[in-house]
């Protein structure tokens, strides 16, 4: 069974650690800002689609949200922009997805 409190807590930690506002994340995810707020407070549950898209943005796996023993290894990224819009977040998510796939493939090669 999923631990929705853990999901909300980790989502909030990743969002704040990335210095994104709820509004920025909501725009990127295609949801209302109040949805993000309620999910972070465990008043609502994140949909699977939203978590998948958020995982790409934050550079983590879905497992990090749902498995307490899963660890997060942040991917360094530097932004020099004064503001970040939805297109910027899409670019960040695409880069993180590539980096996650690379980590996965490197792990497979180590297991040979």
PDB file of N, CA and C in Angstrom:
ATOM      1  N   UNK A   1       0.834  -1.188   0.000  1.00  0.00           N
ATOM      2  CA  UNK A   1       0.000   0.000   0.000  1.00  0.00           C
ATOM      3  C   UNK A   1       0.878   1.249   0.000  1.00  0.00           C
ATOM      4  N   UNK A   2       0.460   2.257  -0.745  1.00  0.00           N
ATOM      5  CA  UNK A   2       1.241   3.474  -0.871  1.00  0.00           C
ATOM      6  C   UNK A   2       1.137   4.342   0.380  1.00  0.00           C
ATOM      7  N   UNK A   3       2.244   4.953   0.717  1.00  0.00           N
ATOM      8  CA  UNK A   3       2.320   5.868   1.843  1.00  0.00           C
ATOM      9  C   UNK A   3       2.181   7.293   1.285  1.00  0.00           C
ATOM     10  N   UNK A   4       0.945   7.808   1.260  1.00  0.00           N
ATOM     11  CA  UNK A   4       0.686   9.112   0.648  1.00  0.00           C
ATOM     12  C   UNK A   4       1.338  10.247   1.432  1.00  0.00           C
ATOM     13  N   UNK A   5       1.531  10.064   2.724  1.00  0.00           N
ATOM     14  CA  UNK A   5       2.226  11.084   3.515  1.00  0.00           C
ATOM     15  C   UNK A   5       3.675  11.209   3.048  1.00  0.00           C
ATOM     16  N   UNK A   6       4.321  10.068   2.776  1.00  0.00           N
ATOM     17  CA  UNK A   6       5.697  10.071   2.277  1.00  0.00           C
ATOM     18  C   UNK A   6       5.766  10.741   0.913  1.00  0.00           C
ATOM     19  N   UNK A   7       4.814  10.435   0.053  1.00  0.00           N
ATOM     20  CA  UNK A   7       4.792  11.025  -1.287  1.00  0.00           C
ATOM     21  C   UNK A   7       4.696  12.551  -1.196  1.00  0.00           C
ATOM     22  N   UNK A   8       3.763  13.051  -0.404  1.00  0.00           N
ATOM     23  CA  UNK A   8       3.602  14.495  -0.248  1.00  0.00           C
ATOM     24  C   UNK A   8       4.827  15.154   0.346  1.00  0.00           C
ATOM     25  N   UNK A   9       5.414  14.497   1.344  1.00  0.00           N
ATOM     26  CA  UNK A   9       6.601  15.046   2.012  1.00  0.00           C
ATOM     27  C   UNK A   9       7.773  15.128   1.036  1.00  0.00           C
ATOM     28  N   UNK A  10       8.017  14.047   0.321  1.00  0.00           N
ATOM     29  CA  UNK A  10       9.155  14.030  -0.600  1.00  0.00           C
ATOM     30  C   UNK A  10       8.944  14.994  -1.765  1.00  0.00           C
ATOM     31  N   UNK A  11       7.738  15.066  -2.254  1.00  0.00           N
ATOM     32  CA  UNK A  11       7.438  16.011  -3.331  1.00  0.00           C
ATOM     33  C   UNK A  11       7.753  17.434  -2.853  1.00  0.00           C
ATOM     34  N   UNK A  12       7.279  17.774  -1.663  1.00  0.00           N
ATOM     35  CA  UNK A  12       7.515  19.100  -1.101  1.00  0.00           C
ATOM     36  C   UNK A  12       9.007  19.370  -0.927  1.00  0.00           C
ATOM     37  N   UNK A  13       9.736  18.395  -0.402  1.00  0.00           N
ATOM     38  CA  UNK A  13      11.174  18.569  -0.204  1.00  0.00           C
ATOM     39  C   UNK A  13      11.896  18.790  -1.527  1.00  0.00           C
ATOM     40  N   UNK A  14      11.525  18.024  -2.542  1.00  0.00           N
ATOM     41  CA  UNK A  14      12.160  18.181  -3.849  1.00  0.00           C
ATOM     42  C   UNK A  14      11.807  19.522  -4.478  1.00  0.00           C
ATOM     43  N   UNK A  15      10.553  19.911  -4.359  1.00  0.00           N
ATOM     44  CA  UNK A  15      10.129  21.199  -4.925  1.00  0.00           C
ATOM     45  C   UNK A  15      10.862  22.346  -4.255  1.00  0.00           C
ATOM     46  N   UNK A  16      10.866  22.352  -2.931  1.00  0.00           N
ATOM     47  CA  UNK A  16      11.527  23.445  -2.214  1.00  0.00           C
ATOM     48  C   UNK A  16      13.037  23.415  -2.429  1.00  0.00           C
ATOM     49  N   UNK A  17      13.620  22.206  -2.462  1.00  0.00           N
ATOM     50  CA  UNK A  17      15.056  22.079  -2.710  1.00  0.00           C
ATOM     51  C   UNK A  17      15.450  22.584  -4.088  1.00  0.00           C
ATOM     52  N   UNK A  18      14.530  22.483  -5.025  1.00  0.00           N
ATOM     53  CA  UNK A  18      14.769  22.972  -6.382  1.00  0.00           C
ATOM     54  C   UNK A  18      14.455  24.461  -6.514  1.00  0.00           C
ATOM     55  N   UNK A  19      13.885  25.013  -5.457  1.00  0.00           N
ATOM     56  CA  UNK A  19      13.505  26.428  -5.406  1.00  0.00           C
ATOM     57  C   UNK A  19      12.421  26.794  -6.421  1.00  0.00           C
ATOM     58  N   UNK A  20      11.523  25.842  -6.673  1.00  0.00           N
ATOM     59  CA  UNK A  20      10.385  26.095  -7.536  1.00  0.00           C
ATOM     60  C   UNK A  20       9.175  26.383  -6.664  1.00  0.00           C
ATOM     61  N   UNK A  21       8.333  27.261  -7.135  1.00  0.00           N
ATOM     62  CA  UNK A  21       7.100  27.548  -6.410  1.00  0.00           C
ATOM     63  C   UNK A  21       6.043  26.517  -6.788  1.00  0.00           C
ATOM     64  N   UNK A  22       5.015  26.427  -5.970  1.00  0.00           N
ATOM     65  CA  UNK A  22       3.900  25.548  -6.298  1.00  0.00           C
ATOM     66  C   UNK A  22       3.275  25.966  -7.629  1.00  0.00           C
ATOM     67  N   UNK A  23       3.194  27.254  -7.872  1.00  0.00           N
ATOM     68  CA  UNK A  23       2.608  27.753  -9.120  1.00  0.00           C
ATOM     69  C   UNK A  23       3.424  27.337 -10.335  1.00  0.00           C
ATOM     70  N   UNK A  24       4.744  27.430 -10.250  1.00  0.00           N
ATOM     71  CA  UNK A  24       5.600  27.016 -11.362  1.00  0.00           C
ATOM     72  C   UNK A  24       5.426  25.526 -11.655  1.00  0.00           C
ATOM     73  N   UNK A  25       5.436  24.731 -10.596  1.00  0.00           N
ATOM     74  CA  UNK A  25       5.293  23.286 -10.759  1.00  0.00           C
ATOM     75  C   UNK A  25       3.910  22.954 -11.301  1.00  0.00           C
ATOM     76  N   UNK A  26       2.899  23.612 -10.792  1.00  0.00           N
ATOM     77  CA  UNK A  26       1.526  23.366 -11.252  1.00  0.00           C
ATOM     78  C   UNK A  26       1.393  23.671 -12.733  1.00  0.00           C
ATOM     79  N   UNK A  27       1.965  24.776 -13.174  1.00  0.00           N
ATOM     80  CA  UNK A  27       1.890  25.133 -14.593  1.00  0.00           C
ATOM     81  C   UNK A  27       2.562  24.060 -15.437  1.00  0.00           C
ATOM     82  N   UNK A  28       3.747  23.624 -15.019  1.00  0.00           N
ATOM     83  CA  UNK A  28       4.472  22.586 -15.751  1.00  0.00           C
ATOM     84  C   UNK A  28       3.684  21.277 -15.789  1.00  0.00           C
ATOM     85  N   UNK A  29       3.068  20.911 -14.665  1.00  0.00           N
ATOM     86  CA  UNK A  29       2.337  19.645 -14.572  1.00  0.00           C
ATOM     87  C   UNK A  29       0.941  19.717 -15.175  1.00  0.00           C
ATOM     88  N   UNK A  30       0.496  20.917 -15.487  1.00  0.00           N
ATOM     89  CA  UNK A  30      -0.830  21.084 -16.077  1.00  0.00           C
ATOM     90  C   UNK A  30      -1.959  20.901 -15.081  1.00  0.00           C
ATOM     91  N   UNK A  31      -1.699  21.314 -13.835  1.00  0.00           N
ATOM     92  CA  UNK A  31      -2.707  21.217 -12.780  1.00  0.00           C
ATOM     93  C   UNK A  31      -2.832  22.570 -12.097  1.00  0.00           C
ATOM     94  N   UNK A  32      -3.812  22.696 -11.229  1.00  0.00           N
ATOM     95  CA  UNK A  32      -4.015  23.921 -10.471  1.00  0.00           C
ATOM     96  C   UNK A  32      -3.047  23.967  -9.285  1.00  0.00           C
ATOM     97  N   UNK A  33      -2.626  25.150  -8.916  1.00  0.00           N
ATOM     98  CA  UNK A  33      -1.707  25.311  -7.783  1.00  0.00           C
ATOM     99  C   UNK A  33      -2.296  24.737  -6.506  1.00  0.00           C
ATOM    100  N   UNK A  34      -3.602  24.839  -6.321  1.00  0.00           N
ATOM    101  CA  UNK A  34      -4.230  24.308  -5.108  1.00  0.00           C
ATOM    102  C   UNK A  34      -4.111  22.778  -5.040  1.00  0.00           C
ATOM    103  N   UNK A  35      -4.063  22.125  -6.193  1.00  0.00           N
ATOM    104  CA  UNK A  35      -3.864  20.675  -6.240  1.00  0.00           C
ATOM    105  C   UNK A  35      -2.507  20.317  -5.632  1.00  0.00           C
ATOM    106  N   UNK A  36      -1.475  21.045  -6.020  1.00  0.00           N
ATOM    107  CA  UNK A  36      -0.127  20.811  -5.483  1.00  0.00           C
ATOM    108  C   UNK A  36      -0.131  21.033  -3.981  1.00  0.00           C
ATOM    109  N   UNK A  37      -0.721  22.139  -3.554  1.00  0.00           N
ATOM    110  CA  UNK A  37      -0.784  22.457  -2.132  1.00  0.00           C
ATOM    111  C   UNK A  37      -1.482  21.360  -1.341  1.00  0.00           C
ATOM    112  N   UNK A  38      -2.634  20.928  -1.814  1.00  0.00           N
ATOM    113  CA  UNK A  38      -3.395  19.891  -1.105  1.00  0.00           C
ATOM    114  C   UNK A  38      -2.664  18.559  -1.081  1.00  0.00           C
ATOM    115  N   UNK A  39      -1.981  18.225  -2.167  1.00  0.00           N
ATOM    116  CA  UNK A  39      -1.229  16.965  -2.193  1.00  0.00           C
ATOM    117  C   UNK A  39      -0.036  17.016  -1.238  1.00  0.00           C
ATOM    118  N   UNK A  40       0.640  18.151  -1.186  1.00  0.00           N
ATOM    119  CA  UNK A  40       1.770  18.289  -0.267  1.00  0.00           C
ATOM    120  C   UNK A  40       1.310  18.200   1.185  1.00  0.00           C
ATOM    121  N   UNK A  41       0.076  18.621   1.455  1.00  0.00           N
ATOM    122  CA  UNK A  41      -0.479  18.573   2.813  1.00  0.00           C
ATOM    123  C   UNK A  41      -1.225  17.262   3.081  1.00  0.00           C
ATOM    124  N   UNK A  42      -1.204  16.352   2.110  1.00  0.00           N
ATOM    125  CA  UNK A  42      -1.887  15.057   2.214  1.00  0.00           C
ATOM    126  C   UNK A  42      -3.399  15.183   2.301  1.00  0.00           C
ATOM    127  N   UNK A  43      -3.940  16.224   1.715  1.00  0.00           N
ATOM    128  CA  UNK A  43      -5.389  16.388   1.641  1.00  0.00           C
ATOM    129  C   UNK A  43      -5.926  15.780   0.349  1.00  0.00           C
ATOM    130  N   UNK A  44      -5.035  15.563  -0.619  1.00  0.00           N
ATOM    131  CA  UNK A  44      -5.349  14.901  -1.889  1.00  0.00           C
ATOM    132  C   UNK A  44      -4.196  13.983  -2.230  1.00  0.00           C
ATOM    133  N   UNK A  45      -4.398  13.157  -3.234  1.00  0.00           N
ATOM    134  CA  UNK A  45      -3.346  12.250  -3.672  1.00  0.00           C
ATOM    135  C   UNK A  45      -2.895  12.626  -5.075  1.00  0.00           C
ATOM    136  N   UNK A  46      -1.588  12.573  -5.284  1.00  0.00           N
ATOM    137  CA  UNK A  46      -1.045  12.816  -6.609  1.00  0.00           C
ATOM    138  C   UNK A  46      -1.465  11.683  -7.536  1.00  0.00           C
ATOM    139  N   UNK A  47      -1.773  12.027  -8.766  1.00  0.00           N
ATOM    140  CA  UNK A  47      -2.041  10.990  -9.765  1.00  0.00           C
ATOM    141  C   UNK A  47      -0.707  10.409 -10.230  1.00  0.00           C
ATOM    142  N   UNK A  48      -0.750   9.225 -10.783  1.00  0.00           N
ATOM    143  CA  UNK A  48       0.452   8.580 -11.290  1.00  0.00           C
ATOM    144  C   UNK A  48       1.089   9.411 -12.398  1.00  0.00           C
ATOM    145  N   UNK A  49       0.261   9.972 -13.277  1.00  0.00           N
ATOM    146  CA  UNK A  49       0.783  10.797 -14.372  1.00  0.00           C
ATOM    147  C   UNK A  49       1.559  12.003 -13.838  1.00  0.00           C
ATOM    148  N   UNK A  50       1.011  12.640 -12.824  1.00  0.00           N
ATOM    149  CA  UNK A  50       1.663  13.811 -12.235  1.00  0.00           C
ATOM    150  C   UNK A  50       2.985  13.403 -11.581  1.00  0.00           C
ATOM    151  N   UNK A  51       2.992  12.289 -10.859  1.00  0.00           N
ATOM    152  CA  UNK A  51       4.228  11.837 -10.214  1.00  0.00           C
ATOM    153  C   UNK A  51       5.297  11.472 -11.239  1.00  0.00           C
ATOM    154  N   UNK A  52       4.899  10.849 -12.331  1.00  0.00           N
ATOM    155  CA  UNK A  52       5.871  10.496 -13.373  1.00  0.00           C
ATOM    156  C   UNK A  52       6.508  11.746 -13.966  1.00  0.00           C
ATOM    157  N   UNK A  53       5.694  12.724 -14.250  1.00  0.00           N
ATOM    158  CA  UNK A  53       6.200  13.971 -14.827  1.00  0.00           C
ATOM    159  C   UNK A  53       7.062  14.732 -13.812  1.00  0.00           C
ATOM    160  N   UNK A  54       6.654  14.709 -12.545  1.00  0.00           N
ATOM    161  CA  UNK A  54       7.424  15.370 -11.483  1.00  0.00           C
ATOM    162  C   UNK A  54       8.771  14.681 -11.289  1.00  0.00           C
ATOM    163  N   UNK A  55       8.779  13.350 -11.349  1.00  0.00           N
ATOM    164  CA  UNK A  55      10.026  12.600 -11.185  1.00  0.00           C
ATOM    165  C   UNK A  55      11.037  13.006 -12.259  1.00  0.00           C
ATOM    166  N   UNK A  56      10.568  13.165 -13.480  1.00  0.00           N
ATOM    167  CA  UNK A  56      11.463  13.611 -14.551  1.00  0.00           C
ATOM    168  C   UNK A  56      12.005  15.005 -14.256  1.00  0.00           C
ATOM    169  N   UNK A  57      11.143  15.886 -13.795  1.00  0.00           N
ATOM    170  CA  UNK A  57      11.578  17.252 -13.499  1.00  0.00           C
ATOM    171  C   UNK A  57      12.605  17.277 -12.373  1.00  0.00           C
ATOM    172  N   UNK A  58      12.354  16.515 -11.319  1.00  0.00           N
ATOM    173  CA  UNK A  58      13.244  16.535 -10.161  1.00  0.00           C
ATOM    174  C   UNK A  58      14.461  15.627 -10.333  1.00  0.00           C
ATOM    175  N   UNK A  59      14.466  14.815 -11.396  1.00  0.00           N
ATOM    176  CA  UNK A  59      15.614  13.934 -11.640  1.00  0.00           C
ATOM    177  C   UNK A  59      15.668  12.762 -10.687  1.00  0.00           C
ATOM    178  N   UNK A  60      14.512  12.205 -10.375  1.00  0.00           N
ATOM    179  CA  UNK A  60      14.461  11.047  -9.488  1.00  0.00           C
ATOM    180  C   UNK A  60      13.569   9.979 -10.109  1.00  0.00           C
ATOM    181  N   UNK A  61      13.513   8.841  -9.479  1.00  0.00           N
ATOM    182  CA  UNK A  61      12.635   7.782  -9.948  1.00  0.00           C
ATOM    183  C   UNK A  61      11.308   7.871  -9.194  1.00  0.00           C
ATOM    184  N   UNK A  62      10.298   7.230  -9.730  1.00  0.00           N
ATOM    185  CA  UNK A  62       9.005   7.144  -9.040  1.00  0.00           C
ATOM    186  C   UNK A  62       9.198   6.445  -7.698  1.00  0.00           C
ATOM    187  N   UNK A  63      10.107   5.481  -7.667  1.00  0.00           N
ATOM    188  CA  UNK A  63      10.368   4.745  -6.416  1.00  0.00           C
ATOM    189  C   UNK A  63      10.725   5.682  -5.274  1.00  0.00           C
ATOM    190  N   UNK A  64      11.418   6.778  -5.588  1.00  0.00           N
ATOM    191  CA  UNK A  64      11.801   7.702  -4.519  1.00  0.00           C
ATOM    192  C   UNK A  64      10.578   8.255  -3.793  1.00  0.00           C
ATOM    193  N   UNK A  65       9.506   8.486  -4.519  1.00  0.00           N
ATOM    194  CA  UNK A  65       8.290   9.004  -3.901  1.00  0.00           C
ATOM    195  C   UNK A  65       7.571   7.963  -3.048  1.00  0.00           C
ATOM    196  N   UNK A  66       7.626   6.707  -3.446  1.00  0.00           N
ATOM    197  CA  UNK A  66       6.774   5.691  -2.818  1.00  0.00           C
ATOM    198  C   UNK A  66       7.506   4.705  -1.917  1.00  0.00           C
ATOM    199  N   UNK A  67       8.833   4.667  -2.001  1.00  0.00           N
ATOM    200  CA  UNK A  67       9.601   3.701  -1.220  1.00  0.00           C
ATOM    201  C   UNK A  67      10.514   4.432  -0.248  1.00  0.00           C
ATOM    202  N   UNK A  68      10.233   4.263   1.026  1.00  0.00           N
ATOM    203  CA  UNK A  68      10.988   4.981   2.059  1.00  0.00           C
ATOM    204  C   UNK A  68      12.480   4.664   2.028  1.00  0.00           C
ATOM    205  N   UNK A  69      12.841   3.469   1.564  1.00  0.00           N
ATOM    206  CA  UNK A  69      14.249   3.078   1.542  1.00  0.00           C
ATOM    207  C   UNK A  69      14.971   3.570   0.280  1.00  0.00           C
ATOM    208  N   UNK A  70      14.223   4.116  -0.669  1.00  0.00           N
ATOM    209  CA  UNK A  70      14.819   4.622  -1.904  1.00  0.00           C
ATOM    210  C   UNK A  70      15.572   5.915  -1.621  1.00  0.00           C
ATOM    211  N   UNK A  71      16.762   6.022  -2.192  1.00  0.00           N
ATOM    212  CA  UNK A  71      17.580   7.208  -1.988  1.00  0.00           C
ATOM    213  C   UNK A  71      17.550   8.099  -3.219  1.00  0.00           C
ATOM    214  N   UNK A  72      17.763   9.367  -2.985  1.00  0.00           N
ATOM    215  CA  UNK A  72      17.785  10.352  -4.060  1.00  0.00           C
ATOM    216  C   UNK A  72      19.193  10.891  -4.194  1.00  0.00           C
ATOM    217  N   UNK A  73      19.733  10.798  -5.406  1.00  0.00           N
ATOM    218  CA  UNK A  73      21.036  11.373  -5.701  1.00  0.00           C
ATOM    219  C   UNK A  73      20.781  12.546  -6.641  1.00  0.00           C
ATOM    220  N   UNK A  74      20.863  13.765  -6.109  1.00  0.00           N
ATOM    221  CA  UNK A  74      20.532  14.925  -6.939  1.00  0.00           C
ATOM    222  C   UNK A  74      21.464  15.069  -8.127  1.00  0.00           C
ATOM    223  N   UNK A  75      20.894  15.587  -9.203  1.00  0.00           N
ATOM    224  CA  UNK A  75      21.678  15.890 -10.390  1.00  0.00           C
ATOM    225  C   UNK A  75      21.950  17.387 -10.379  1.00  0.00           C
ATOM    226  N   UNK A  76      23.215  17.750 -10.386  1.00  0.00           N
ATOM    227  CA  UNK A  76      23.523  19.179 -10.330  1.00  0.00           C
ATOM    228  C   UNK A  76      23.065  19.893 -11.594  1.00  0.00           C
ATOM    229  N   UNK A  77      22.449  21.023 -11.375  1.00  0.00           N
ATOM    230  CA  UNK A  77      22.009  21.862 -12.489  1.00  0.00           C
ATOM    231  C   UNK A  77      22.118  23.313 -12.043  1.00  0.00           C
ATOM    232  N   UNK A  78      22.604  24.141 -12.928  1.00  0.00           N
ATOM    233  CA  UNK A  78      22.764  25.560 -12.597  1.00  0.00           C
ATOM    234  C   UNK A  78      21.860  26.382 -13.503  1.00  0.00           C
ATOM    235  N   UNK A  79      21.061  27.215 -12.895  1.00  0.00           N
ATOM    236  CA  UNK A  79      20.194  28.122 -13.638  1.00  0.00           C
ATOM    237  C   UNK A  79      20.599  29.549 -13.326  1.00  0.00           C
ATOM    238  N   UNK A  80      20.745  30.323 -14.353  1.00  0.00           N
ATOM    239  CA  UNK A  80      21.122  31.720 -14.154  1.00  0.00           C
ATOM    240  C   UNK A  80      19.970  32.660 -14.472  1.00  0.00           C
ATOM    241  N   UNK A  81      18.841  32.104 -14.809  1.00  0.00           N
ATOM    242  CA  UNK A  81      17.683  32.924 -15.157  1.00  0.00           C
ATOM    243  C   UNK A  81      17.041  33.515 -13.913  1.00  0.00           C
ATOM    244  N   UNK A  82      16.501  34.708 -14.061  1.00  0.00           N
ATOM    245  CA  UNK A  82      15.812  35.340 -12.943  1.00  0.00           C
ATOM    246  C   UNK A  82      14.435  34.733 -12.741  1.00  0.00           C
ATOM    247  N   UNK A  83      13.867  34.210 -13.812  1.00  0.00           N
ATOM    248  CA  UNK A  83      12.576  33.551 -13.705  1.00  0.00           C
ATOM    249  C   UNK A  83      12.617  32.275 -14.540  1.00  0.00           C
ATOM    250  N   UNK A  84      11.800  31.324 -14.146  1.00  0.00           N
ATOM    251  CA  UNK A  84      11.741  30.040 -14.827  1.00  0.00           C
ATOM    252  C   UNK A  84      10.303  29.833 -15.287  1.00  0.00           C
ATOM    253  N   UNK A  85      10.143  29.542 -16.574  1.00  0.00           N
ATOM    254  CA  UNK A  85       8.797  29.319 -17.083  1.00  0.00           C
ATOM    255  C   UNK A  85       8.602  27.839 -17.436  1.00  0.00           C
ATOM    256  N   UNK A  86       7.433  27.541 -17.941  1.00  0.00           N
ATOM    257  CA  UNK A  86       7.076  26.153 -18.242  1.00  0.00           C
ATOM    258  C   UNK A  86       8.038  25.523 -19.251  1.00  0.00           C
ATOM    259  N   UNK A  87       8.454  26.273 -20.247  1.00  0.00           N
ATOM    260  CA  UNK A  87       9.389  25.742 -21.256  1.00  0.00           C
ATOM    261  C   UNK A  87      10.735  25.408 -20.627  1.00  0.00           C
ATOM    262  N   UNK A  88      11.192  26.233 -19.686  1.00  0.00           N
ATOM    263  CA  UNK A  88      12.435  25.944 -18.971  1.00  0.00           C
ATOM    264  C   UNK A  88      12.312  24.638 -18.192  1.00  0.00           C
ATOM    265  N   UNK A  89      11.172  24.460 -17.531  1.00  0.00           N
ATOM    266  CA  UNK A  89      10.961  23.240 -16.747  1.00  0.00           C
ATOM    267  C   UNK A  89      10.898  22.016 -17.656  1.00  0.00           C
ATOM    268  N   UNK A  90      10.315  22.160 -18.842  1.00  0.00           N
ATOM    269  CA  UNK A  90      10.292  21.050 -19.799  1.00  0.00           C
ATOM    270  C   UNK A  90      11.713  20.676 -20.219  1.00  0.00           C
ATOM    271  N   UNK A  91      12.554  21.669 -20.428  1.00  0.00           N
ATOM    272  CA  UNK A  91      13.950  21.415 -20.804  1.00  0.00           C
ATOM    273  C   UNK A  91      14.709  20.729 -19.683  1.00  0.00           C
ATOM    274  N   UNK A  92      14.490  21.187 -18.454  1.00  0.00           N
ATOM    275  CA  UNK A  92      15.138  20.567 -17.297  1.00  0.00           C
ATOM    276  C   UNK A  92      14.707  19.117 -17.178  1.00  0.00           C
ATOM    277  N   UNK A  93      13.408  18.863 -17.324  1.00  0.00           N
ATOM    278  CA  UNK A  93      12.888  17.496 -17.220  1.00  0.00           C
ATOM    279  C   UNK A  93      13.491  16.601 -18.301  1.00  0.00           C
ATOM    280  N   UNK A  94      13.622  17.117 -19.519  1.00  0.00           N
ATOM    281  CA  UNK A  94      14.206  16.323 -20.611  1.00  0.00           C
ATOM    282  C   UNK A  94      15.659  15.972 -20.316  1.00  0.00           C
ATOM    283  N   UNK A  95      16.415  16.936 -19.803  1.00  0.00           N
ATOM    284  CA  UNK A  95      17.819  16.667 -19.455  1.00  0.00           C
ATOM    285  C   UNK A  95      17.913  15.653 -18.319  1.00  0.00           C
ATOM    286  N   UNK A  96      17.056  15.792 -17.324  1.00  0.00           N
ATOM    287  CA  UNK A  96      17.067  14.851 -16.208  1.00  0.00           C
ATOM    288  C   UNK A  96      16.690  13.444 -16.649  1.00  0.00           C
ATOM    289  N   UNK A  97      15.753  13.341 -17.579  1.00  0.00           N
ATOM    290  CA  UNK A  97      15.347  12.028 -18.085  1.00  0.00           C
ATOM    291  C   UNK A  97      16.529  11.342 -18.774  1.00  0.00           C
ATOM    292  N   UNK A  98      17.269  12.092 -19.563  1.00  0.00           N
ATOM    293  CA  UNK A  98      18.458  11.551 -20.220  1.00  0.00           C
ATOM    294  C   UNK A  98      19.482  11.113 -19.177  1.00  0.00           C
ATOM    295  N   UNK A  99      19.699  11.949 -18.173  1.00  0.00           N
ATOM    296  CA  UNK A  99      20.675  11.622 -17.126  1.00  0.00           C
ATOM    297  C   UNK A  99      20.248  10.386 -16.332  1.00  0.00           C
ATOM    298  N   UNK A 100      18.956  10.259 -16.028  1.00  0.00           N
ATOM    299  CA  UNK A 100      18.471   9.074 -15.316  1.00  0.00           C
ATOM    300  C   UNK A 100      18.667   7.812 -16.150  1.00  0.00           C
ATOM    301  N   UNK A 101      18.390   7.905 -17.436  1.00  0.00           N
ATOM    302  CA  UNK A 101      18.604   6.756 -18.317  1.00  0.00           C
ATOM    303  C   UNK A 101      20.077   6.379 -18.379  1.00  0.00           C
ATOM    304  N   UNK A 102      20.947   7.369 -18.411  1.00  0.00           N
ATOM    305  CA  UNK A 102      22.385   7.109 -18.418  1.00  0.00           C
ATOM    306  C   UNK A 102      22.812   6.407 -17.132  1.00  0.00           C
ATOM    307  N   UNK A 103      22.330   6.881 -15.989  1.00  0.00           N
ATOM    308  CA  UNK A 103      22.639   6.224 -14.709  1.00  0.00           C
ATOM    309  C   UNK A 103      22.182   4.774 -14.714  1.00  0.00           C
ATOM    310  N   UNK A 104      20.993   4.535 -15.250  1.00  0.00           N
ATOM    311  CA  UNK A 104      20.443   3.183 -15.315  1.00  0.00           C
ATOM    312  C   UNK A 104      21.327   2.295 -16.187  1.00  0.00           C
ATOM    313  N   UNK A 105      21.720   2.793 -17.347  1.00  0.00           N
ATOM    314  CA  UNK A 105      22.567   2.003 -18.249  1.00  0.00           C
ATOM    315  C   UNK A 105      23.941   1.738 -17.642  1.00  0.00           C
ATOM    316  N   UNK A 106      24.495   2.721 -16.953  1.00  0.00           N
ATOM    317  CA  UNK A 106      25.779   2.520 -16.286  1.00  0.00           C
ATOM    318  C   UNK A 106      25.665   1.435 -15.207  1.00  0.00           C
ATOM    319  N   UNK A 107      24.536   1.436 -14.509  1.00  0.00           N
ATOM    320  CA  UNK A 107      24.302   0.394 -13.507  1.00  0.00           C
ATOM    321  C   UNK A 107      24.234  -0.985 -14.127  1.00  0.00           C
ATOM    322  N   UNK A 108      23.618  -1.080 -15.291  1.00  0.00           N
ATOM    323  CA  UNK A 108      23.561  -2.358 -15.994  1.00  0.00           C
ATOM    324  C   UNK A 108      24.949  -2.819 -16.402  1.00  0.00           C
ATOM    325  N   UNK A 109      25.778  -1.897 -16.876  1.00  0.00           N
ATOM    326  CA  UNK A 109      27.133  -2.248 -17.284  1.00  0.00           C
ATOM    327  C   UNK A 109      27.999  -2.695 -16.115  1.00  0.00           C
ATOM    328  N   UNK A 110      27.783  -2.101 -14.952  1.00  0.00           N
ATOM    329  CA  UNK A 110      28.540  -2.496 -13.759  1.00  0.00           C
ATOM    330  C   UNK A 110      28.188  -3.912 -13.328  1.00  0.00           C
ATOM    331  N   UNK A 111      26.979  -4.327 -13.625  1.00  0.00           N
ATOM    332  CA  UNK A 111      26.514  -5.662 -13.228  1.00  0.00           C
ATOM    333  C   UNK A 111      27.009  -6.774 -14.130  1.00  0.00           C
ATOM    334  N   UNK A 112      27.693  -6.447 -15.208  1.00  0.00           N
ATOM    335  CA  UNK A 112      28.161  -7.487 -16.145  1.00  0.00           C
ATOM    336  C   UNK A 112      29.295  -8.286 -15.569  1.00  0.00           C
TER     337      UNK A 112
END
